[in-house]
């Protein structure tokens, strides 16, 4: 099994719904994101997938959440945009963009701060 990862980032505002604390108020973060992709077979060039393709897919998906109020988006209108829910949203969107016969998104980590992260992966 091979695994590769790509790191990126986005900035957005959010407020946690049904939360008793300061994060219930609108505030922002500069989120770091790491996307992990797995697969068993390499192509003729010895690649699982071209990093360039993965970075382009990540850029397209992060454009949906970059510099927005996440609570005002369709994805999070009724769902609290916690780091956990953001990680799941990104996992699902990136899986649609990247998954093919050779490789698939394995997990997505979202860092709200350098020391606090949430990770989502589907059960196998």
PDB file of N, CA and C in Angstrom:
ATOM      1  N   UNK A   1       0.854  -1.180   0.000  1.00  0.00           N
ATOM      2  CA  UNK A   1       0.000   0.000   0.000  1.00  0.00           C
ATOM      3  C   UNK A   1       0.892   1.233   0.000  1.00  0.00           C
ATOM      4  N   UNK A   2       0.560   2.192  -0.845  1.00  0.00           N
ATOM      5  CA  UNK A   2       1.269   3.466  -0.898  1.00  0.00           C
ATOM      6  C   UNK A   2       0.363   4.549  -0.326  1.00  0.00           C
ATOM      7  N   UNK A   3       0.977   5.545   0.302  1.00  0.00           N
ATOM      8  CA  UNK A   3       0.227   6.691   0.796  1.00  0.00           C
ATOM      9  C   UNK A   3       1.027   7.942   0.500  1.00  0.00           C
ATOM     10  N   UNK A   4       0.327   8.956   0.037  1.00  0.00           N
ATOM     11  CA  UNK A   4       0.947  10.263  -0.132  1.00  0.00           C
ATOM     12  C   UNK A   4       0.032  11.297   0.496  1.00  0.00           C
ATOM     13  N   UNK A   5       0.590  12.467   0.752  1.00  0.00           N
ATOM     14  CA  UNK A   5      -0.239  13.531   1.318  1.00  0.00           C
ATOM     15  C   UNK A   5       0.136  14.864   0.705  1.00  0.00           C
ATOM     16  N   UNK A   6      -0.838  15.750   0.739  1.00  0.00           N
ATOM     17  CA  UNK A   6      -0.681  17.113   0.254  1.00  0.00           C
ATOM     18  C   UNK A   6      -1.207  18.037   1.342  1.00  0.00           C
ATOM     19  N   UNK A   7      -0.481  19.101   1.607  1.00  0.00           N
ATOM     20  CA  UNK A   7      -0.911  20.098   2.590  1.00  0.00           C
ATOM     21  C   UNK A   7      -1.343  21.369   1.873  1.00  0.00           C
ATOM     22  N   UNK A   8      -2.349  22.023   2.446  1.00  0.00           N
ATOM     23  CA  UNK A   8      -2.802  23.306   1.919  1.00  0.00           C
ATOM     24  C   UNK A   8      -3.426  24.084   3.078  1.00  0.00           C
ATOM     25  N   UNK A   9      -4.121  25.145   2.764  1.00  0.00           N
ATOM     26  CA  UNK A   9      -4.717  25.977   3.814  1.00  0.00           C
ATOM     27  C   UNK A   9      -5.863  26.797   3.245  1.00  0.00           C
ATOM     28  N   UNK A  10      -6.700  27.281   4.145  1.00  0.00           N
ATOM     29  CA  UNK A  10      -7.758  28.219   3.773  1.00  0.00           C
ATOM     30  C   UNK A  10      -8.089  29.056   4.998  1.00  0.00           C
ATOM     31  N   UNK A  11      -8.729  30.175   4.762  1.00  0.00           N
ATOM     32  CA  UNK A  11      -9.160  31.069   5.834  1.00  0.00           C
ATOM     33  C   UNK A  11     -10.670  31.217   5.747  1.00  0.00           C
ATOM     34  N   UNK A  12     -11.329  31.164   6.890  1.00  0.00           N
ATOM     35  CA  UNK A  12     -12.782  31.304   6.891  1.00  0.00           C
ATOM     36  C   UNK A  12     -13.264  31.678   8.285  1.00  0.00           C
ATOM     37  N   UNK A  13     -14.473  32.218   8.317  1.00  0.00           N
ATOM     38  CA  UNK A  13     -15.138  32.532   9.574  1.00  0.00           C
ATOM     39  C   UNK A  13     -16.170  31.449   9.864  1.00  0.00           C
ATOM     40  N   UNK A  14     -16.447  31.259  11.140  1.00  0.00           N
ATOM     41  CA  UNK A  14     -17.514  30.339  11.535  1.00  0.00           C
ATOM     42  C   UNK A  14     -17.912  30.630  12.970  1.00  0.00           C
ATOM     43  N   UNK A  15     -19.024  30.058  13.348  1.00  0.00           N
ATOM     44  CA  UNK A  15     -19.439  30.059  14.748  1.00  0.00           C
ATOM     45  C   UNK A  15     -20.028  28.691  15.025  1.00  0.00           C
ATOM     46  N   UNK A  16     -19.738  28.161  16.183  1.00  0.00           N
ATOM     47  CA  UNK A  16     -20.251  26.845  16.545  1.00  0.00           C
ATOM     48  C   UNK A  16     -21.690  26.965  17.026  1.00  0.00           C
ATOM     49  N   UNK A  17     -22.536  26.127  16.506  1.00  0.00           N
ATOM     50  CA  UNK A  17     -23.948  26.133  16.867  1.00  0.00           C
ATOM     51  C   UNK A  17     -24.159  25.272  18.110  1.00  0.00           C
ATOM     52  N   UNK A  18     -25.101  25.696  18.943  1.00  0.00           N
ATOM     53  CA  UNK A  18     -25.440  24.975  20.171  1.00  0.00           C
ATOM     54  C   UNK A  18     -24.208  24.720  21.034  1.00  0.00           C
ATOM     55  N   UNK A  19     -23.362  25.727  21.133  1.00  0.00           N
ATOM     56  CA  UNK A  19     -22.122  25.639  21.896  1.00  0.00           C
ATOM     57  C   UNK A  19     -22.135  26.728  22.951  1.00  0.00           C
ATOM     58  N   UNK A  20     -21.769  26.396  24.171  1.00  0.00           N
ATOM     59  CA  UNK A  20     -21.738  27.362  25.259  1.00  0.00           C
ATOM     60  C   UNK A  20     -20.295  27.788  25.491  1.00  0.00           C
ATOM     61  N   UNK A  21     -19.896  28.858  24.856  1.00  0.00           N
ATOM     62  CA  UNK A  21     -18.531  29.346  24.999  1.00  0.00           C
ATOM     63  C   UNK A  21     -18.233  30.398  23.954  1.00  0.00           C
ATOM     64  N   UNK A  22     -17.018  30.900  23.979  1.00  0.00           N
ATOM     65  CA  UNK A  22     -16.656  32.006  23.093  1.00  0.00           C
ATOM     66  C   UNK A  22     -16.730  31.637  21.614  1.00  0.00           C
ATOM     67  N   UNK A  23     -16.588  30.364  21.274  1.00  0.00           N
ATOM     68  CA  UNK A  23     -16.630  29.957  19.860  1.00  0.00           C
ATOM     69  C   UNK A  23     -18.046  29.950  19.291  1.00  0.00           C
ATOM     70  N   UNK A  24     -19.034  30.286  20.125  1.00  0.00           N
ATOM     71  CA  UNK A  24     -20.397  30.452  19.621  1.00  0.00           C
ATOM     72  C   UNK A  24     -20.536  31.776  18.875  1.00  0.00           C
ATOM     73  N   UNK A  25     -19.604  32.690  19.116  1.00  0.00           N
ATOM     74  CA  UNK A  25     -19.595  33.972  18.401  1.00  0.00           C
ATOM     75  C   UNK A  25     -18.813  33.808  17.096  1.00  0.00           C
ATOM     76  N   UNK A  26     -19.166  34.607  16.120  1.00  0.00           N
ATOM     77  CA  UNK A  26     -18.475  34.561  14.836  1.00  0.00           C
ATOM     78  C   UNK A  26     -16.999  34.913  15.028  1.00  0.00           C
ATOM     79  N   UNK A  27     -16.138  34.069  14.503  1.00  0.00           N
ATOM     80  CA  UNK A  27     -14.691  34.281  14.582  1.00  0.00           C
ATOM     81  C   UNK A  27     -14.048  33.563  13.403  1.00  0.00           C
ATOM     82  N   UNK A  28     -12.772  33.770  13.205  1.00  0.00           N
ATOM     83  CA  UNK A  28     -12.116  33.175  12.045  1.00  0.00           C
ATOM     84  C   UNK A  28     -10.882  32.381  12.406  1.00  0.00           C
ATOM     85  N   UNK A  29     -10.472  31.561  11.442  1.00  0.00           N
ATOM     86  CA  UNK A  29      -9.254  30.760  11.573  1.00  0.00           C
ATOM     87  C   UNK A  29      -8.529  30.734  10.239  1.00  0.00           C
ATOM     88  N   UNK A  30      -7.256  30.486  10.321  1.00  0.00           N
ATOM     89  CA  UNK A  30      -6.456  30.119   9.153  1.00  0.00           C
ATOM     90  C   UNK A  30      -6.209  28.622   9.290  1.00  0.00           C
ATOM     91  N   UNK A  31      -7.059  27.828   8.641  1.00  0.00           N
ATOM     92  CA  UNK A  31      -6.989  26.376   8.751  1.00  0.00           C
ATOM     93  C   UNK A  31      -5.899  25.818   7.856  1.00  0.00           C
ATOM     94  N   UNK A  32      -5.166  24.846   8.380  1.00  0.00           N
ATOM     95  CA  UNK A  32      -4.273  24.030   7.563  1.00  0.00           C
ATOM     96  C   UNK A  32      -4.986  22.711   7.318  1.00  0.00           C
ATOM     97  N   UNK A  33      -4.774  22.158   6.137  1.00  0.00           N
ATOM     98  CA  UNK A  33      -5.437  20.920   5.739  1.00  0.00           C
ATOM     99  C   UNK A  33      -4.383  19.963   5.203  1.00  0.00           C
ATOM    100  N   UNK A  34      -4.479  18.695   5.601  1.00  0.00           N
ATOM    101  CA  UNK A  34      -3.624  17.666   5.019  1.00  0.00           C
ATOM    102  C   UNK A  34      -4.518  16.546   4.505  1.00  0.00           C
ATOM    103  N   UNK A  35      -4.331  16.211   3.239  1.00  0.00           N
ATOM    104  CA  UNK A  35      -5.130  15.191   2.562  1.00  0.00           C
ATOM    105  C   UNK A  35      -4.232  13.984   2.304  1.00  0.00           C
ATOM    106  N   UNK A  36      -4.664  12.817   2.758  1.00  0.00           N
ATOM    107  CA  UNK A  36      -3.907  11.575   2.592  1.00  0.00           C
ATOM    108  C   UNK A  36      -4.605  10.699   1.562  1.00  0.00           C
ATOM    109  N   UNK A  37      -3.829  10.192   0.612  1.00  0.00           N
ATOM    110  CA  UNK A  37      -4.359   9.364  -0.464  1.00  0.00           C
ATOM    111  C   UNK A  37      -3.633   8.034  -0.443  1.00  0.00           C
ATOM    112  N   UNK A  38      -4.385   6.949  -0.627  1.00  0.00           N
ATOM    113  CA  UNK A  38      -3.803   5.606  -0.612  1.00  0.00           C
ATOM    114  C   UNK A  38      -4.166   4.843  -1.878  1.00  0.00           C
ATOM    115  N   UNK A  39      -3.296   3.911  -2.200  1.00  0.00           N
ATOM    116  CA  UNK A  39      -3.551   3.012  -3.314  1.00  0.00           C
ATOM    117  C   UNK A  39      -2.472   1.956  -3.374  1.00  0.00           C
ATOM    118  N   UNK A  40      -2.738   0.904  -4.121  1.00  0.00           N
ATOM    119  CA  UNK A  40      -1.801  -0.214  -4.182  1.00  0.00           C
ATOM    120  C   UNK A  40      -0.989  -0.265  -5.462  1.00  0.00           C
ATOM    121  N   UNK A  41      -1.463   0.360  -6.521  1.00  0.00           N
ATOM    122  CA  UNK A  41      -0.788   0.225  -7.812  1.00  0.00           C
ATOM    123  C   UNK A  41      -0.259   1.563  -8.305  1.00  0.00           C
ATOM    124  N   UNK A  42       0.956   1.537  -8.799  1.00  0.00           N
ATOM    125  CA  UNK A  42       1.575   2.723  -9.383  1.00  0.00           C
ATOM    126  C   UNK A  42       1.383   2.691 -10.894  1.00  0.00           C
ATOM    127  N   UNK A  43       1.430   3.873 -11.509  1.00  0.00           N
ATOM    128  CA  UNK A  43       1.329   3.921 -12.965  1.00  0.00           C
ATOM    129  C   UNK A  43       2.693   3.627 -13.591  1.00  0.00           C
ATOM    130  N   UNK A  44       2.770   3.726 -14.902  1.00  0.00           N
ATOM    131  CA  UNK A  44       4.011   3.404 -15.617  1.00  0.00           C
ATOM    132  C   UNK A  44       5.160   4.319 -15.216  1.00  0.00           C
ATOM    133  N   UNK A  45       4.841   5.520 -14.716  1.00  0.00           N
ATOM    134  CA  UNK A  45       5.869   6.461 -14.264  1.00  0.00           C
ATOM    135  C   UNK A  45       6.302   6.206 -12.826  1.00  0.00           C
ATOM    136  N   UNK A  46       5.666   5.250 -12.178  1.00  0.00           N
ATOM    137  CA  UNK A  46       5.989   4.974 -10.782  1.00  0.00           C
ATOM    138  C   UNK A  46       5.245   5.864  -9.808  1.00  0.00           C
ATOM    139  N   UNK A  47       4.140   6.464 -10.261  1.00  0.00           N
ATOM    140  CA  UNK A  47       3.361   7.369  -9.418  1.00  0.00           C
ATOM    141  C   UNK A  47       2.040   6.735  -9.015  1.00  0.00           C
ATOM    142  N   UNK A  48       1.636   6.978  -7.790  1.00  0.00           N
ATOM    143  CA  UNK A  48       0.287   6.621  -7.373  1.00  0.00           C
ATOM    144  C   UNK A  48      -0.695   7.579  -8.036  1.00  0.00           C
ATOM    145  N   UNK A  49      -0.395   8.852  -7.928  1.00  0.00           N
ATOM    146  CA  UNK A  49      -1.140   9.924  -8.586  1.00  0.00           C
ATOM    147  C   UNK A  49      -0.194  11.115  -8.633  1.00  0.00           C
ATOM    148  N   UNK A  50      -0.310  11.924  -9.638  1.00  0.00           N
ATOM    149  CA  UNK A  50       0.556  13.096  -9.774  1.00  0.00           C
ATOM    150  C   UNK A  50       0.194  14.124  -8.698  1.00  0.00           C
ATOM    151  N   UNK A  51       1.184  14.562  -7.928  1.00  0.00           N
ATOM    152  CA  UNK A  51       0.934  15.590  -6.907  1.00  0.00           C
ATOM    153  C   UNK A  51       0.238  16.805  -7.512  1.00  0.00           C
ATOM    154  N   UNK A  52       0.588  17.137  -8.728  1.00  0.00           N
ATOM    155  CA  UNK A  52      -0.010  18.297  -9.403  1.00  0.00           C
ATOM    156  C   UNK A  52      -1.530  18.142  -9.502  1.00  0.00           C
ATOM    157  N   UNK A  53      -2.001  16.935  -9.824  1.00  0.00           N
ATOM    158  CA  UNK A  53      -3.440  16.685  -9.929  1.00  0.00           C
ATOM    159  C   UNK A  53      -4.117  16.782  -8.565  1.00  0.00           C
ATOM    160  N   UNK A  54      -3.467  16.248  -7.554  1.00  0.00           N
ATOM    161  CA  UNK A  54      -4.035  16.301  -6.205  1.00  0.00           C
ATOM    162  C   UNK A  54      -4.106  17.746  -5.725  1.00  0.00           C
ATOM    163  N   UNK A  55      -3.035  18.495  -5.926  1.00  0.00           N
ATOM    164  CA  UNK A  55      -3.024  19.899  -5.502  1.00  0.00           C
ATOM    165  C   UNK A  55      -4.103  20.698  -6.210  1.00  0.00           C
ATOM    166  N   UNK A  56      -4.333  20.424  -7.492  1.00  0.00           N
ATOM    167  CA  UNK A  56      -5.377  21.130  -8.246  1.00  0.00           C
ATOM    168  C   UNK A  56      -6.760  20.801  -7.684  1.00  0.00           C
ATOM    169  N   UNK A  57      -6.999  19.537  -7.353  1.00  0.00           N
ATOM    170  CA  UNK A  57      -8.286  19.140  -6.777  1.00  0.00           C
ATOM    171  C   UNK A  57      -8.488  19.789  -5.412  1.00  0.00           C
ATOM    172  N   UNK A  58      -7.449  19.786  -4.591  1.00  0.00           N
ATOM    173  CA  UNK A  58      -7.536  20.415  -3.270  1.00  0.00           C
ATOM    174  C   UNK A  58      -7.818  21.906  -3.423  1.00  0.00           C
ATOM    175  N   UNK A  59      -7.162  22.552  -4.347  1.00  0.00           N
ATOM    176  CA  UNK A  59      -7.380  23.983  -4.574  1.00  0.00           C
ATOM    177  C   UNK A  59      -8.827  24.261  -4.975  1.00  0.00           C
ATOM    178  N   UNK A  60      -9.391  23.438  -5.870  1.00  0.00           N
ATOM    179  CA  UNK A  60     -10.785  23.624  -6.300  1.00  0.00           C
ATOM    180  C   UNK A  60     -11.749  23.483  -5.124  1.00  0.00           C
ATOM    181  N   UNK A  61     -11.541  22.465  -4.314  1.00  0.00           N
ATOM    182  CA  UNK A  61     -12.453  22.226  -3.195  1.00  0.00           C
ATOM    183  C   UNK A  61     -12.291  23.299  -2.122  1.00  0.00           C
ATOM    184  N   UNK A  62     -11.061  23.664  -1.799  1.00  0.00           N
ATOM    185  CA  UNK A  62     -10.858  24.692  -0.769  1.00  0.00           C
ATOM    186  C   UNK A  62     -11.385  26.050  -1.206  1.00  0.00           C
ATOM    187  N   UNK A  63     -11.468  26.297  -2.497  1.00  0.00           N
ATOM    188  CA  UNK A  63     -12.040  27.558  -2.990  1.00  0.00           C
ATOM    189  C   UNK A  63     -13.493  27.715  -2.542  1.00  0.00           C
ATOM    190  N   UNK A  64     -14.172  26.599  -2.284  1.00  0.00           N
ATOM    191  CA  UNK A  64     -15.567  26.635  -1.830  1.00  0.00           C
ATOM    192  C   UNK A  64     -15.699  27.143  -0.393  1.00  0.00           C
ATOM    193  N   UNK A  65     -14.630  27.036   0.394  1.00  0.00           N
ATOM    194  CA  UNK A  65     -14.696  27.416   1.807  1.00  0.00           C
ATOM    195  C   UNK A  65     -13.740  28.552   2.170  1.00  0.00           C
ATOM    196  N   UNK A  66     -12.941  28.994   1.235  1.00  0.00           N
ATOM    197  CA  UNK A  66     -11.943  30.026   1.515  1.00  0.00           C
ATOM    198  C   UNK A  66     -12.579  31.412   1.552  1.00  0.00           C
ATOM    199  N   UNK A  67     -12.268  32.156   2.598  1.00  0.00           N
ATOM    200  CA  UNK A  67     -12.730  33.530   2.786  1.00  0.00           C
ATOM    201  C   UNK A  67     -14.254  33.660   2.722  1.00  0.00           C
ATOM    202  N   UNK A  68     -14.931  32.739   3.411  1.00  0.00           N
ATOM    203  CA  UNK A  68     -16.386  32.805   3.517  1.00  0.00           C
ATOM    204  C   UNK A  68     -16.781  32.633   4.980  1.00  0.00           C
ATOM    205  N   UNK A  69     -18.036  32.956   5.263  1.00  0.00           N
ATOM    206  CA  UNK A  69     -18.653  32.609   6.540  1.00  0.00           C
ATOM    207  C   UNK A  69     -19.224  31.209   6.344  1.00  0.00           C
ATOM    208  N   UNK A  70     -18.616  30.217   6.929  1.00  0.00           N
ATOM    209  CA  UNK A  70     -19.034  28.830   6.708  1.00  0.00           C
ATOM    210  C   UNK A  70     -20.485  28.590   7.096  1.00  0.00           C
ATOM    211  N   UNK A  71     -20.977  29.287   8.117  1.00  0.00           N
ATOM    212  CA  UNK A  71     -22.367  29.118   8.532  1.00  0.00           C
ATOM    213  C   UNK A  71     -23.344  29.551   7.450  1.00  0.00           C
ATOM    214  N   UNK A  72     -22.908  30.407   6.540  1.00  0.00           N
ATOM    215  CA  UNK A  72     -23.784  30.916   5.478  1.00  0.00           C
ATOM    216  C   UNK A  72     -23.730  30.063   4.214  1.00  0.00           C
ATOM    217  N   UNK A  73     -22.958  28.989   4.212  1.00  0.00           N
ATOM    218  CA  UNK A  73     -22.843  28.140   3.027  1.00  0.00           C
ATOM    219  C   UNK A  73     -23.897  27.036   3.057  1.00  0.00           C
ATOM    220  N   UNK A  74     -24.201  26.491   1.880  1.00  0.00           N
ATOM    221  CA  UNK A  74     -25.144  25.370   1.798  1.00  0.00           C
ATOM    222  C   UNK A  74     -24.642  24.167   2.587  1.00  0.00           C
ATOM    223  N   UNK A  75     -23.346  23.941   2.573  1.00  0.00           N
ATOM    224  CA  UNK A  75     -22.771  22.770   3.246  1.00  0.00           C
ATOM    225  C   UNK A  75     -22.987  22.806   4.755  1.00  0.00           C
ATOM    226  N   UNK A  76     -22.994  24.002   5.344  1.00  0.00           N
ATOM    227  CA  UNK A  76     -23.060  24.111   6.802  1.00  0.00           C
ATOM    228  C   UNK A  76     -24.246  24.928   7.297  1.00  0.00           C
ATOM    229  N   UNK A  77     -25.217  25.182   6.468  1.00  0.00           N
ATOM    230  CA  UNK A  77     -26.368  25.976   6.888  1.00  0.00           C
ATOM    231  C   UNK A  77     -27.053  25.424   8.124  1.00  0.00           C
ATOM    232  N   UNK A  78     -27.255  24.105   8.163  1.00  0.00           N
ATOM    233  CA  UNK A  78     -27.937  23.446   9.285  1.00  0.00           C
ATOM    234  C   UNK A  78     -26.963  22.664  10.165  1.00  0.00           C
ATOM    235  N   UNK A  79     -25.715  22.605   9.754  1.00  0.00           N
ATOM    236  CA  UNK A  79     -24.701  21.784  10.420  1.00  0.00           C
ATOM    237  C   UNK A  79     -23.629  22.693  11.016  1.00  0.00           C
ATOM    238  N   UNK A  80     -23.307  22.488  12.270  1.00  0.00           N
ATOM    239  CA  UNK A  80     -22.283  23.306  12.915  1.00  0.00           C
ATOM    240  C   UNK A  80     -20.933  23.092  12.224  1.00  0.00           C
ATOM    241  N   UNK A  81     -20.291  24.166  11.771  1.00  0.00           N
ATOM    242  CA  UNK A  81     -19.011  24.026  11.065  1.00  0.00           C
ATOM    243  C   UNK A  81     -17.829  23.856  12.022  1.00  0.00           C
ATOM    244  N   UNK A  82     -17.879  22.790  12.781  1.00  0.00           N
ATOM    245  CA  UNK A  82     -16.764  22.439  13.663  1.00  0.00           C
ATOM    246  C   UNK A  82     -15.622  21.906  12.806  1.00  0.00           C
ATOM    247  N   UNK A  83     -14.458  21.824  13.369  1.00  0.00           N
ATOM    248  CA  UNK A  83     -13.327  21.245  12.631  1.00  0.00           C
ATOM    249  C   UNK A  83     -13.633  19.817  12.201  1.00  0.00           C
ATOM    250  N   UNK A  84     -14.335  19.085  13.060  1.00  0.00           N
ATOM    251  CA  UNK A  84     -14.711  17.714  12.719  1.00  0.00           C
ATOM    252  C   UNK A  84     -15.608  17.676  11.480  1.00  0.00           C
ATOM    253  N   UNK A  85     -16.641  18.527  11.471  1.00  0.00           N
ATOM    254  CA  UNK A  85     -17.553  18.549  10.323  1.00  0.00           C
ATOM    255  C   UNK A  85     -16.885  19.101   9.071  1.00  0.00           C
ATOM    256  N   UNK A  86     -15.963  20.026   9.233  1.00  0.00           N
ATOM    257  CA  UNK A  86     -15.213  20.537   8.078  1.00  0.00           C
ATOM    258  C   UNK A  86     -14.350  19.422   7.494  1.00  0.00           C
ATOM    259  N   UNK A  87     -13.696  18.643   8.346  1.00  0.00           N
ATOM    260  CA  UNK A  87     -12.873  17.530   7.866  1.00  0.00           C
ATOM    261  C   UNK A  87     -13.720  16.531   7.084  1.00  0.00           C
ATOM    262  N   UNK A  88     -14.911  16.218   7.575  1.00  0.00           N
ATOM    263  CA  UNK A  88     -15.795  15.283   6.867  1.00  0.00           C
ATOM    264  C   UNK A  88     -16.250  15.865   5.534  1.00  0.00           C
ATOM    265  N   UNK A  89     -16.637  17.128   5.528  1.00  0.00           N
ATOM    266  CA  UNK A  89     -17.053  17.780   4.284  1.00  0.00           C
ATOM    267  C   UNK A  89     -15.937  17.726   3.246  1.00  0.00           C
ATOM    268  N   UNK A  90     -14.724  18.087   3.658  1.00  0.00           N
ATOM    269  CA  UNK A  90     -13.595  18.076   2.720  1.00  0.00           C
ATOM    270  C   UNK A  90     -13.294  16.658   2.243  1.00  0.00           C
ATOM    271  N   UNK A  91     -13.375  15.684   3.131  1.00  0.00           N
ATOM    272  CA  UNK A  91     -13.164  14.285   2.743  1.00  0.00           C
ATOM    273  C   UNK A  91     -14.150  13.886   1.645  1.00  0.00           C
ATOM    274  N   UNK A  92     -15.420  14.184   1.864  1.00  0.00           N
ATOM    275  CA  UNK A  92     -16.444  13.793   0.891  1.00  0.00           C
ATOM    276  C   UNK A  92     -16.263  14.503  -0.444  1.00  0.00           C
ATOM    277  N   UNK A  93     -15.997  15.793  -0.415  1.00  0.00           N
ATOM    278  CA  UNK A  93     -15.811  16.554  -1.667  1.00  0.00           C
ATOM    279  C   UNK A  93     -14.549  16.108  -2.394  1.00  0.00           C
ATOM    280  N   UNK A  94     -13.465  15.922  -1.658  1.00  0.00           N
ATOM    281  CA  UNK A  94     -12.212  15.501  -2.294  1.00  0.00           C
ATOM    282  C   UNK A  94     -12.301  14.078  -2.832  1.00  0.00           C
ATOM    283  N   UNK A  95     -13.041  13.226  -2.167  1.00  0.00           N
ATOM    284  CA  UNK A  95     -13.221  11.860  -2.667  1.00  0.00           C
ATOM    285  C   UNK A  95     -13.883  11.874  -4.036  1.00  0.00           C
ATOM    286  N   UNK A  96     -14.857  12.747  -4.223  1.00  0.00           N
ATOM    287  CA  UNK A  96     -15.518  12.869  -5.531  1.00  0.00           C
ATOM    288  C   UNK A  96     -14.552  13.357  -6.599  1.00  0.00           C
ATOM    289  N   UNK A  97     -13.621  14.201  -6.217  1.00  0.00           N
ATOM    290  CA  UNK A  97     -12.663  14.784  -7.163  1.00  0.00           C
ATOM    291  C   UNK A  97     -11.501  13.840  -7.491  1.00  0.00           C
ATOM    292  N   UNK A  98     -11.074  13.045  -6.521  1.00  0.00           N
ATOM    293  CA  UNK A  98      -9.801  12.321  -6.645  1.00  0.00           C
ATOM    294  C   UNK A  98      -9.958  10.815  -6.846  1.00  0.00           C
ATOM    295  N   UNK A  99     -10.903  10.197  -6.154  1.00  0.00           N
ATOM    296  CA  UNK A  99     -10.970   8.735  -6.160  1.00  0.00           C
ATOM    297  C   UNK A  99     -11.117   8.175  -7.570  1.00  0.00           C
ATOM    298  N   UNK A 100     -10.313   7.164  -7.870  1.00  0.00           N
ATOM    299  CA  UNK A 100     -10.423   6.443  -9.134  1.00  0.00           C
ATOM    300  C   UNK A 100     -10.040   4.989  -8.890  1.00  0.00           C
ATOM    301  N   UNK A 101      -9.757   4.245  -9.928  1.00  0.00           N
ATOM    302  CA  UNK A 101      -9.459   2.818  -9.779  1.00  0.00           C
ATOM    303  C   UNK A 101      -8.138   2.563  -9.065  1.00  0.00           C
ATOM    304  N   UNK A 102      -7.213   3.514  -9.123  1.00  0.00           N
ATOM    305  CA  UNK A 102      -5.885   3.300  -8.532  1.00  0.00           C
ATOM    306  C   UNK A 102      -5.740   3.850  -7.124  1.00  0.00           C
ATOM    307  N   UNK A 103      -6.439   4.925  -6.817  1.00  0.00           N
ATOM    308  CA  UNK A 103      -6.214   5.563  -5.519  1.00  0.00           C
ATOM    309  C   UNK A 103      -7.494   6.186  -4.989  1.00  0.00           C
ATOM    310  N   UNK A 104      -7.472   6.481  -3.686  1.00  0.00           N
ATOM    311  CA  UNK A 104      -8.627   7.090  -3.036  1.00  0.00           C
ATOM    312  C   UNK A 104      -8.162   7.919  -1.849  1.00  0.00           C
ATOM    313  N   UNK A 105      -8.942   8.946  -1.549  1.00  0.00           N
ATOM    314  CA  UNK A 105      -8.684   9.730  -0.347  1.00  0.00           C
ATOM    315  C   UNK A 105      -8.870   8.793   0.839  1.00  0.00           C
ATOM    316  N   UNK A 106      -7.881   8.748   1.706  1.00  0.00           N
ATOM    317  CA  UNK A 106      -7.949   7.883   2.885  1.00  0.00           C
ATOM    318  C   UNK A 106      -8.425   8.656   4.109  1.00  0.00           C
ATOM    319  N   UNK A 107      -7.890   9.855   4.302  1.00  0.00           N
ATOM    320  CA  UNK A 107      -8.302  10.676   5.437  1.00  0.00           C
ATOM    321  C   UNK A 107      -7.965  12.128   5.163  1.00  0.00           C
ATOM    322  N   UNK A 108      -8.632  13.002   5.910  1.00  0.00           N
ATOM    323  CA  UNK A 108      -8.389  14.438   5.819  1.00  0.00           C
ATOM    324  C   UNK A 108      -8.221  14.970   7.234  1.00  0.00           C
ATOM    325  N   UNK A 109      -7.139  15.701   7.454  1.00  0.00           N
ATOM    326  CA  UNK A 109      -6.881  16.350   8.741  1.00  0.00           C
ATOM    327  C   UNK A 109      -7.052  17.852   8.569  1.00  0.00           C
ATOM    328  N   UNK A 110      -7.765  18.460   9.506  1.00  0.00           N
ATOM    329  CA  UNK A 110      -8.002  19.902   9.501  1.00  0.00           C
ATOM    330  C   UNK A 110      -7.427  20.457  10.797  1.00  0.00           C
ATOM    331  N   UNK A 111      -6.490  21.381  10.667  1.00  0.00           N
ATOM    332  CA  UNK A 111      -5.838  22.008  11.820  1.00  0.00           C
ATOM    333  C   UNK A 111      -6.452  23.381  12.040  1.00  0.00           C
ATOM    334  N   UNK A 112      -7.159  23.534  13.156  1.00  0.00           N
ATOM    335  CA  UNK A 112      -7.729  24.828  13.518  1.00  0.00           C
ATOM    336  C   UNK A 112      -6.629  25.750  14.045  1.00  0.00           C
ATOM    337  N   UNK A 113      -5.680  25.148  14.729  1.00  0.00           N
ATOM    338  CA  UNK A 113      -4.479  25.835  15.206  1.00  0.00           C
ATOM    339  C   UNK A 113      -3.317  24.865  14.976  1.00  0.00           C
ATOM    340  N   UNK A 114      -2.083  25.311  15.154  1.00  0.00           N
ATOM    341  CA  UNK A 114      -0.959  24.384  14.968  1.00  0.00           C
ATOM    342  C   UNK A 114      -0.982  23.175  15.907  1.00  0.00           C
ATOM    343  N   UNK A 115      -1.718  23.279  17.022  1.00  0.00           N
ATOM    344  CA  UNK A 115      -1.726  22.185  17.995  1.00  0.00           C
ATOM    345  C   UNK A 115      -3.078  21.490  18.139  1.00  0.00           C
ATOM    346  N   UNK A 116      -4.066  21.887  17.345  1.00  0.00           N
ATOM    347  CA  UNK A 116      -5.414  21.309  17.455  1.00  0.00           C
ATOM    348  C   UNK A 116      -5.911  20.892  16.083  1.00  0.00           C
ATOM    349  N   UNK A 117      -6.205  19.597  15.930  1.00  0.00           N
ATOM    350  CA  UNK A 117      -6.672  19.119  14.635  1.00  0.00           C
ATOM    351  C   UNK A 117      -7.818  18.134  14.808  1.00  0.00           C
ATOM    352  N   UNK A 118      -8.591  18.007  13.740  1.00  0.00           N
ATOM    353  CA  UNK A 118      -9.631  16.987  13.640  1.00  0.00           C
ATOM    354  C   UNK A 118      -9.355  16.196  12.373  1.00  0.00           C
ATOM    355  N   UNK A 119      -9.573  14.892  12.446  1.00  0.00           N
ATOM    356  CA  UNK A 119      -9.309  14.014  11.307  1.00  0.00           C
ATOM    357  C   UNK A 119     -10.573  13.228  11.002  1.00  0.00           C
ATOM    358  N   UNK A 120     -10.885  13.101   9.706  1.00  0.00           N
ATOM    359  CA  UNK A 120     -12.008  12.268   9.292  1.00  0.00           C
ATOM    360  C   UNK A 120     -11.525  11.236   8.297  1.00  0.00           C
ATOM    361  N   UNK A 121     -11.978   9.994   8.465  1.00  0.00           N
ATOM    362  CA  UNK A 121     -11.785   8.954   7.460  1.00  0.00           C
ATOM    363  C   UNK A 121     -12.999   8.046   7.526  1.00  0.00           C
ATOM    364  N   UNK A 122     -13.338   7.465   6.399  1.00  0.00           N
ATOM    365  CA  UNK A 122     -14.459   6.541   6.346  1.00  0.00           C
ATOM    366  C   UNK A 122     -14.004   5.183   6.858  1.00  0.00           C
ATOM    367  N   UNK A 123     -14.923   4.460   7.439  1.00  0.00           N
ATOM    368  CA  UNK A 123     -14.582   3.114   7.884  1.00  0.00           C
ATOM    369  C   UNK A 123     -14.379   2.228   6.666  1.00  0.00           C
ATOM    370  N   UNK A 124     -13.452   1.319   6.804  1.00  0.00           N
ATOM    371  CA  UNK A 124     -13.110   0.470   5.656  1.00  0.00           C
ATOM    372  C   UNK A 124     -13.893  -0.812   5.655  1.00  0.00           C
TER     373      UNK A 124
END
